């Protein structure tokens, strides 16, 4: 069985998230997704985030046919432990991380980068809603 791992906030789902999850699932049998806890999102994205709670984000991701398992993590140490637990065959990371250290990557057999789709981002979606 080939395990694929990816992680992120997944605060407001958009087509780029779906494309990335679809791509990730196409590479293996089981897709495990790690999501940032509410506190971690707030810390990284600002006090007005997340829009959706970690429990809501988890439920939405589990409803997507490409996703098999979802786990919430609070910090870098927990993320690293999560990757270590699964020792994925492939870890999928957004292309904006290409020249940066990827937490937990030492426990994955391979790291692949998914090219971001510039048209979509949660920040742009929130901006679009607030500017109406």
Protein backbone atom coordinates (compact mmCIF):
# COMPACT_ATOMS: atom_id res chain seq x y z
CA UNK A 1 0.00 0.00 0.00
CA UNK A 2 1.37 3.39 -1.07
CA UNK A 3 0.78 6.21 1.44
CA UNK A 4 0.67 9.86 0.39
CA UNK A 5 0.80 12.70 2.93
CA UNK A 6 0.05 16.40 2.62
CA UNK A 7 -0.80 19.14 5.06
CA UNK A 8 -2.11 22.69 5.26
CA UNK A 9 -4.80 24.96 6.69
CA UNK A 10 -7.59 24.13 4.21
CA UNK A 11 -9.60 26.97 5.77
CA UNK A 12 -11.92 27.81 2.86
CA UNK A 13 -11.80 25.05 0.28
CA UNK A 14 -11.39 26.13 -3.35
CA UNK A 15 -10.69 24.38 -6.69
CA UNK A 16 -6.90 24.47 -6.23
CA UNK A 17 -7.24 22.47 -3.01
CA UNK A 18 -9.33 19.88 -4.85
CA UNK A 19 -6.82 19.66 -7.72
CA UNK A 20 -3.95 19.16 -5.28
CA UNK A 21 -5.82 16.47 -3.34
CA UNK A 22 -6.81 14.75 -6.59
CA UNK A 23 -3.17 14.82 -7.76
CA UNK A 24 -1.93 13.51 -4.41
CA UNK A 25 -4.42 10.63 -4.38
CA UNK A 26 -3.47 9.70 -7.97
CA UNK A 27 0.02 8.87 -6.69
CA UNK A 28 -0.98 6.24 -4.14
CA UNK A 29 -3.58 4.22 -2.29
CA UNK A 30 -4.11 6.19 0.91
CA UNK A 31 -4.09 9.97 1.23
CA UNK A 32 -3.43 11.27 4.73
CA UNK A 33 -4.01 15.00 5.31
CA UNK A 34 -2.67 16.96 8.27
CA UNK A 35 -4.44 20.22 9.10
CA UNK A 36 -3.30 23.09 11.26
CA UNK A 37 -5.20 23.54 14.52
CA UNK A 38 -7.27 26.69 14.99
CA UNK A 39 -4.58 28.22 17.22
CA UNK A 40 -1.85 27.47 14.69
CA UNK A 41 -3.87 29.03 11.86
CA UNK A 42 -4.49 32.12 14.00
CA UNK A 43 -0.76 32.32 14.75
CA UNK A 44 0.27 31.96 11.10
CA UNK A 45 -2.57 33.75 9.28
CA UNK A 46 -3.75 36.38 11.76
CA UNK A 47 -6.32 36.81 14.50
CA UNK A 48 -9.30 36.76 12.12
CA UNK A 49 -8.50 33.25 10.94
CA UNK A 50 -9.46 30.50 10.68
CA UNK A 51 -12.88 31.10 9.16
CA UNK A 52 -13.84 27.46 9.72
CA UNK A 53 -12.95 25.48 12.85
CA UNK A 54 -10.55 22.56 12.65
CA UNK A 55 -13.46 20.16 13.23
CA UNK A 56 -15.44 21.71 10.34
CA UNK A 57 -12.35 21.68 8.09
CA UNK A 58 -11.71 18.05 8.99
CA UNK A 59 -15.31 17.06 8.16
CA UNK A 60 -15.20 18.88 4.81
CA UNK A 61 -11.93 17.20 3.85
CA UNK A 62 -13.21 13.75 4.87
CA UNK A 63 -16.21 14.31 2.55
CA UNK A 64 -13.85 14.62 -0.44
CA UNK A 65 -13.43 11.28 -2.16
CA UNK A 66 -9.67 11.64 -2.55
CA UNK A 67 -9.04 12.00 1.20
CA UNK A 68 -8.80 8.92 3.40
CA UNK A 69 -7.67 10.27 6.78
CA UNK A 70 -7.38 13.71 8.41
CA UNK A 71 -5.41 14.65 11.54
CA UNK A 72 -5.14 18.00 13.33
CA UNK A 73 -1.75 19.18 14.61
CA UNK A 74 -0.81 22.08 16.89
CA UNK A 75 2.87 22.69 16.18
CA UNK A 76 5.93 21.69 14.14
CA UNK A 77 6.77 18.87 16.56
CA UNK A 78 3.32 17.31 16.18
CA UNK A 79 3.47 17.68 12.38
CA UNK A 80 6.86 15.97 12.33
CA UNK A 81 5.49 13.15 14.55
CA UNK A 82 2.51 12.75 12.25
CA UNK A 83 4.72 12.36 9.18
CA UNK A 84 6.98 9.97 11.11
CA UNK A 85 3.95 7.88 12.16
CA UNK A 86 2.92 7.29 8.53
CA UNK A 87 6.38 7.30 6.88
CA UNK A 88 4.69 8.20 3.59
CA UNK A 89 5.95 7.02 0.25
CA UNK A 90 5.36 10.55 -1.07
CA UNK A 91 4.84 13.86 0.69
CA UNK A 92 3.09 16.52 -1.39
CA UNK A 93 4.01 20.13 -0.65
CA UNK A 94 2.99 23.41 -2.31
CA UNK A 95 5.55 24.76 -4.79
CA UNK A 96 6.08 27.85 -2.64
CA UNK A 97 8.06 25.55 -0.27
CA UNK A 98 10.49 24.41 -2.96
CA UNK A 99 13.53 26.23 -1.56
CA UNK A 100 12.51 25.99 2.12
CA UNK A 101 12.87 23.28 4.75
CA UNK A 102 9.83 20.99 4.76
CA UNK A 103 8.86 19.79 8.24
CA UNK A 104 8.89 16.01 8.49
CA UNK A 105 10.29 15.47 4.99
CA UNK A 106 13.08 13.28 6.39
CA UNK A 107 10.41 10.63 7.13
CA UNK A 108 9.02 10.57 3.59
CA UNK A 109 10.61 8.43 0.90
CA UNK A 110 10.03 11.23 -1.62
CA UNK A 111 8.86 14.83 -1.63
CA UNK A 112 6.93 16.19 -4.62
CA UNK A 113 5.86 19.77 -5.14
CA UNK A 114 2.43 20.75 -6.40
CA UNK A 115 2.47 23.87 -8.55
CA UNK A 116 0.15 26.41 -6.98
CA UNK A 117 -2.72 27.67 -9.12
CA UNK A 118 -2.32 31.47 -8.83
CA UNK A 119 -5.98 32.18 -9.56
CA UNK A 120 -6.98 30.60 -6.23
CA UNK A 121 -6.09 31.27 -2.61
CA UNK A 122 -8.04 31.40 0.62
CA UNK A 123 -6.70 34.91 1.28
CA UNK A 124 -7.98 36.09 -2.12
CA UNK A 125 -11.37 34.49 -1.43
CA UNK A 126 -11.67 36.25 1.94
CA UNK A 127 -10.56 39.55 0.37
CA UNK A 128 -13.14 39.15 -2.38
CA UNK A 129 -15.92 38.58 0.16
CA UNK A 130 -14.96 41.52 2.39
CA UNK A 131 -14.57 43.92 -0.55
CA UNK A 132 -18.09 43.39 -1.93
